[in-house]
C-alpha atoms as a PDB file:
ATOM      1  CA  MET A   1     143.464  69.967 134.533  1.00  0.00           C
ATOM      2  CA  LEU A   2     142.114  67.118 136.685  1.00  0.00           C
ATOM      3  CA  ARG A   3     139.512  69.438 138.134  1.00  0.00           C
ATOM      4  CA  LEU A   4     138.356  70.433 134.644  1.00  0.00           C
ATOM      5  CA  ARG A   5     138.118  66.796 133.673  1.00  0.00           C
ATOM      6  CA  ARG A   6     136.045  65.982 136.732  1.00  0.00           C
ATOM      7  CA  MET A   7     133.720  68.853 135.956  1.00  0.00           C
ATOM      8  CA  TRP A   8     133.413  68.007 132.262  1.00  0.00           C
ATOM      9  CA  GLY A   9     132.611  64.318 132.836  1.00  0.00           C
ATOM     10  CA  PRO A  10     129.119  64.715 134.293  1.00  0.00           C
ATOM     11  CA  ILE A  11     128.259  67.483 131.816  1.00  0.00           C
ATOM     12  CA  ALA A  12     129.339  65.303 128.883  1.00  0.00           C
ATOM     13  CA  ARG A  13     127.377  62.371 130.299  1.00  0.00           C
ATOM     14  CA  HIS A  14     124.188  64.400 130.518  1.00  0.00           C
ATOM     15  CA  ILE A  15     124.658  65.803 127.022  1.00  0.00           C
ATOM     16  CA  SER A  16     125.319  62.245 125.872  1.00  0.00           C
ATOM     17  CA  ILE A  17     121.986  61.073 127.277  1.00  0.00           C
ATOM     18  CA  VAL A  18     120.137  63.963 125.627  1.00  0.00           C
ATOM     19  CA  THR A  19     121.728  63.318 122.213  1.00  0.00           C
ATOM     20  CA  GLY A  20     121.074  59.577 122.590  1.00  0.00           C
ATOM     21  CA  LEU A  21     117.438  60.254 123.323  1.00  0.00           C
ATOM     22  CA  ALA A  22     117.267  62.655 120.340  1.00  0.00           C
ATOM     23  CA  GLY A  23     118.821  59.931 118.170  1.00  0.00           C
ATOM     24  CA  ALA A  24     116.271  57.390 119.374  1.00  0.00           C
ATOM     25  CA  LEU A  25     113.470  59.815 118.487  1.00  0.00           C
ATOM     26  CA  ALA A  26     115.142  60.525 115.132  1.00  0.00           C
ATOM     27  CA  VAL A  27     114.917  56.798 114.372  1.00  0.00           C
ATOM     28  CA  ILE A  28     111.348  56.309 115.606  1.00  0.00           C
ATOM     29  CA  VAL A  29     109.642  59.411 114.113  1.00  0.00           C
ATOM     30  CA  PRO A  30     110.337  58.762 110.404  1.00  0.00           C
ATOM     31  CA  GLY A  31     108.829  55.288 110.649  1.00  0.00           C
ATOM     32  CA  VAL A  32     105.746  56.616 112.388  1.00  0.00           C
ATOM     33  CA  LEU A  33     105.324  59.387 109.816  1.00  0.00           C
ATOM     34  CA  PHE A  34     106.118  57.219 106.816  1.00  0.00           C
ATOM     35  CA  TRP A  35     104.022  54.148 107.770  1.00  0.00           C
ATOM     36  CA  PRO A  36     100.637  55.488 106.536  1.00  0.00           C
ATOM     37  CA  ARG A  37     102.111  56.060 103.075  1.00  0.00           C
ATOM     38  CA  LEU A  38     103.029  52.385 102.663  1.00  0.00           C
ATOM     39  CA  SER A  39      99.686  51.710 101.051  1.00  0.00           C
ATOM     40  CA  ASP A  40     100.988  53.414  97.865  1.00  0.00           C
ATOM     41  CA  PRO A  41     101.875  50.864  95.165  1.00  0.00           C
ATOM     42  CA  ILE A  42     105.437  52.102  95.025  1.00  0.00           C
ATOM     43  CA  TYR A  43     106.009  50.830  98.574  1.00  0.00           C
ATOM     44  CA  SER A  44     104.124  47.578  98.154  1.00  0.00           C
ATOM     45  CA  GLY A  45     107.123  45.396  98.997  1.00  0.00           C
ATOM     46  CA  SER A  46     107.469  44.114 102.510  1.00  0.00           C
ATOM     47  CA  LEU A  47     111.156  45.217 102.553  1.00  0.00           C
ATOM     48  CA  THR A  48     110.288  48.807 103.355  1.00  0.00           C
ATOM     49  CA  ARG A  49     108.026  47.764 106.199  1.00  0.00           C
ATOM     50  CA  TYR A  50     110.709  45.448 107.588  1.00  0.00           C
ATOM     51  CA  TYR A  51     113.317  48.209 107.631  1.00  0.00           C
ATOM     52  CA  LEU A  52     110.938  50.728 109.211  1.00  0.00           C
ATOM     53  CA  LEU A  53     110.160  48.225 111.953  1.00  0.00           C
ATOM     54  CA  GLU A  54     113.823  47.390 112.421  1.00  0.00           C
ATOM     55  CA  MET A  55     114.841  51.013 112.748  1.00  0.00           C
ATOM     56  CA  GLY A  56     111.919  51.724 115.099  1.00  0.00           C
ATOM     57  CA  LEU A  57     112.942  48.818 117.334  1.00  0.00           C
ATOM     58  CA  ILE A  58     116.500  50.114 117.418  1.00  0.00           C
ATOM     59  CA  GLY A  59     115.176  53.496 118.573  1.00  0.00           C
ATOM     60  CA  VAL A  60     112.917  51.979 121.214  1.00  0.00           C
ATOM     61  CA  THR A  61     115.812  49.846 122.530  1.00  0.00           C
ATOM     62  CA  VAL A  62     118.136  52.841 122.820  1.00  0.00           C
ATOM     63  CA  LEU A  63     115.377  54.886 124.418  1.00  0.00           C
ATOM     64  CA  ALA A  64     114.728  52.144 127.020  1.00  0.00           C
ATOM     65  CA  MET A  65     118.425  51.616 127.788  1.00  0.00           C
ATOM     66  CA  LEU A  66     119.108  55.324 128.251  1.00  0.00           C
ATOM     67  CA  LEU A  67     116.035  55.902 130.377  1.00  0.00           C
ATOM     68  CA  ALA A  68     116.848  52.890 132.546  1.00  0.00           C
ATOM     69  CA  ARG A  69     120.423  54.233 132.844  1.00  0.00           C
ATOM     70  CA  THR A  70     121.914  50.752 132.502  1.00  0.00           C
ATOM     71  CA  SER A  71     125.687  50.345 132.718  1.00  0.00           C
ATOM     72  CA  TRP A  72     125.816  49.111 129.112  1.00  0.00           C
ATOM     73  CA  GLY A  73     123.609  51.854 127.660  1.00  0.00           C
ATOM     74  CA  THR A  74     126.589  53.421 125.931  1.00  0.00           C
ATOM     75  CA  SER A  75     127.363  50.145 124.195  1.00  0.00           C
ATOM     76  CA  VAL A  76     123.766  49.971 122.983  1.00  0.00           C
ATOM     77  CA  VAL A  77     124.082  53.513 121.617  1.00  0.00           C
ATOM     78  CA  TRP A  78     127.302  52.538 119.738  1.00  0.00           C
ATOM     79  CA  ALA A  79     125.601  49.430 118.338  1.00  0.00           C
ATOM     80  CA  ALA A  80     122.721  51.635 117.186  1.00  0.00           C
ATOM     81  CA  CYS A  81     125.239  54.007 115.625  1.00  0.00           C
ATOM     82  CA  GLY A  82     126.764  51.129 113.631  1.00  0.00           C
ATOM     83  CA  LEU A  83     123.379  49.781 112.594  1.00  0.00           C
ATOM     84  CA  THR A  84     122.005  53.126 111.421  1.00  0.00           C
ATOM     85  CA  ALA A  85     125.231  54.101 109.674  1.00  0.00           C
ATOM     86  CA  ALA A  86     125.328  50.834 107.773  1.00  0.00           C
ATOM     87  CA  PHE A  87     121.624  51.116 106.908  1.00  0.00           C
ATOM     88  CA  THR A  88     122.090  54.700 105.707  1.00  0.00           C
ATOM     89  CA  ALA A  89     125.060  53.685 103.559  1.00  0.00           C
ATOM     90  CA  ALA A  90     123.361  50.597 102.084  1.00  0.00           C
ATOM     91  CA  ALA A  91     119.946  52.122 101.519  1.00  0.00           C
ATOM     92  CA  GLY A  92     121.532  55.149  99.898  1.00  0.00           C
ATOM     93  CA  PHE A  93     119.223  57.771  98.526  1.00  0.00           C
ATOM     94  CA  THR A  94     116.045  55.872  99.245  1.00  0.00           C
ATOM     95  CA  ILE A  95     114.750  55.399 102.762  1.00  0.00           C
ATOM     96  CA  GLY A  96     118.275  55.400 104.247  1.00  0.00           C
ATOM     97  CA  THR A  97     118.658  59.168 104.167  1.00  0.00           C
ATOM     98  CA  LEU A  98     115.913  59.484 106.749  1.00  0.00           C
ATOM     99  CA  TYR A  99     118.187  57.905 109.313  1.00  0.00           C
ATOM    100  CA  LEU A 100     121.385  59.924 108.721  1.00  0.00           C
ATOM    101  CA  PRO A 101     120.600  62.410 111.576  1.00  0.00           C
ATOM    102  CA  ALA A 102     119.995  59.507 113.962  1.00  0.00           C
ATOM    103  CA  GLY A 103     123.350  57.906 113.130  1.00  0.00           C
ATOM    104  CA  ILE A 104     125.116  61.210 113.713  1.00  0.00           C
ATOM    105  CA  LEU A 105     123.302  61.750 117.041  1.00  0.00           C
ATOM    106  CA  PHE A 106     124.147  58.196 118.170  1.00  0.00           C
ATOM    107  CA  ALA A 107     127.813  58.720 117.337  1.00  0.00           C
ATOM    108  CA  LEU A 108     127.856  62.035 119.195  1.00  0.00           C
ATOM    109  CA  SER A 109     126.151  60.437 122.172  1.00  0.00           C
ATOM    110  CA  GLY A 110     128.691  57.602 122.244  1.00  0.00           C
ATOM    111  CA  ILE A 111     131.669  59.935 121.940  1.00  0.00           C
ATOM    112  CA  LEU A 112     130.410  62.187 124.711  1.00  0.00           C
ATOM    113  CA  ALA A 113     129.719  59.223 126.999  1.00  0.00           C
ATOM    114  CA  ASP A 114     133.222  57.861 126.380  1.00  0.00           C
ATOM    115  CA  LEU A 115     134.878  61.159 127.284  1.00  0.00           C
ATOM    116  CA  SER A 116     134.440  60.338 130.937  1.00  0.00           C
ATOM    117  CA  ARG A 117     135.868  56.853 130.418  1.00  0.00           C
ATOM    118  CA  PRO A 118     138.344  56.994 127.527  1.00  0.00           C
ATOM    119  CA  ARG A 119     139.492  53.352 127.928  1.00  0.00           C
ATOM    120  CA  THR A 120     136.201  52.118 126.586  1.00  0.00           C
ATOM    121  CA  LEU A 121     136.283  54.054 123.294  1.00  0.00           C
ATOM    122  CA  LEU A 122     138.089  51.329 121.326  1.00  0.00           C
ATOM    123  CA  ARG A 123     135.742  48.661 122.628  1.00  0.00           C
ATOM    124  CA  ASP A 124     132.709  50.738 121.728  1.00  0.00           C
ATOM    125  CA  LEU A 125     134.071  51.501 118.236  1.00  0.00           C
ATOM    126  CA  LEU A 126     134.461  47.758 117.731  1.00  0.00           C
ATOM    127  CA  ILE A 127     130.858  47.242 118.847  1.00  0.00           C
ATOM    128  CA  ALA A 128     129.730  49.829 116.262  1.00  0.00           C
ATOM    129  CA  ALA A 129     131.808  48.190 113.544  1.00  0.00           C
ATOM    130  CA  ALA A 130     130.450  44.721 114.409  1.00  0.00           C
ATOM    131  CA  ALA A 131     126.881  45.992 114.397  1.00  0.00           C
ATOM    132  CA  ALA A 132     127.473  47.663 110.997  1.00  0.00           C
ATOM    133  CA  ALA A 133     128.873  44.411 109.622  1.00  0.00           C
ATOM    134  CA  VAL A 134     125.867  42.476 110.833  1.00  0.00           C
ATOM    135  CA  GLN A 135     123.457  45.039 109.390  1.00  0.00           C
ATOM    136  CA  LEU A 136     125.173  45.016 105.983  1.00  0.00           C
ATOM    137  CA  SER A 137     125.251  41.199 105.977  1.00  0.00           C
ATOM    138  CA  VAL A 138     121.554  40.911 106.767  1.00  0.00           C
ATOM    139  CA  MET A 139     120.672  43.453 104.123  1.00  0.00           C
ATOM    140  CA  ALA A 140     122.831  41.700 101.518  1.00  0.00           C
ATOM    141  CA  LEU A 141     121.302  38.303 102.323  1.00  0.00           C
ATOM    142  CA  ILE A 142     117.784  39.706 102.047  1.00  0.00           C
ATOM    143  CA  VAL A 143     118.515  41.318  98.709  1.00  0.00           C
ATOM    144  CA  LEU A 144     120.203  38.152  97.388  1.00  0.00           C
ATOM    145  CA  ARG A 145     117.229  36.033  98.429  1.00  0.00           C
ATOM    146  CA  LEU A 146     114.797  38.503  96.842  1.00  0.00           C
ATOM    147  CA  THR A 147     116.707  38.422  93.543  1.00  0.00           C
ATOM    148  CA  ARG A 148     116.612  34.618  93.583  1.00  0.00           C
ATOM    149  CA  GLY A 149     112.934  34.629  94.422  1.00  0.00           C
ATOM    150  CA  THR A 150     113.199  32.475  97.554  1.00  0.00           C
ATOM    151  CA  VAL A 151     111.592  34.872 100.012  1.00  0.00           C
END
C-alpha cells in the first residue's frame, strides 16, 4: 500500500500541474475572446471589463505560480478555485458561466496536489472558502455602490 502511495504521489502532482495550467488558460481565454465584443452597447458598463480583467489576472497568477513551481502554488490554485466558484455563483447565467470549467479544473488540481500531502487539505479548503467570501463581498459592495450611484 505504501509503495502504491509513493508511486501515485508524483503522478497526481504532475496531473495536478496540468489541470491547474488548463484552469489558468480556461480563465484567460474567455476574457481574450470576449474583450473585442465589449464595444457593443449591451456591455457598455465598466463592470464587465473589471470582471474580465480580474479573472484574467487570476489565471495569469496561477499560471506563473505553477510554472515557477513555488511551494505555495497549490494554495494559489485553491484561492483561484474559491474566487472563480464565487464569481460563477454570483454572476449566474451572465458572464459567470464562462468560468465554470476553470473553477472545476482548479478544484481538481488542488485535490490532486493534496493527495500527496493529505494534512494540507483542510487548510487549502479554508483558503478557498476565504477567497470565495472575499470575492462575494467585493461583488456585493460594487453592486451596492452602483445601485446607490456612488461609483
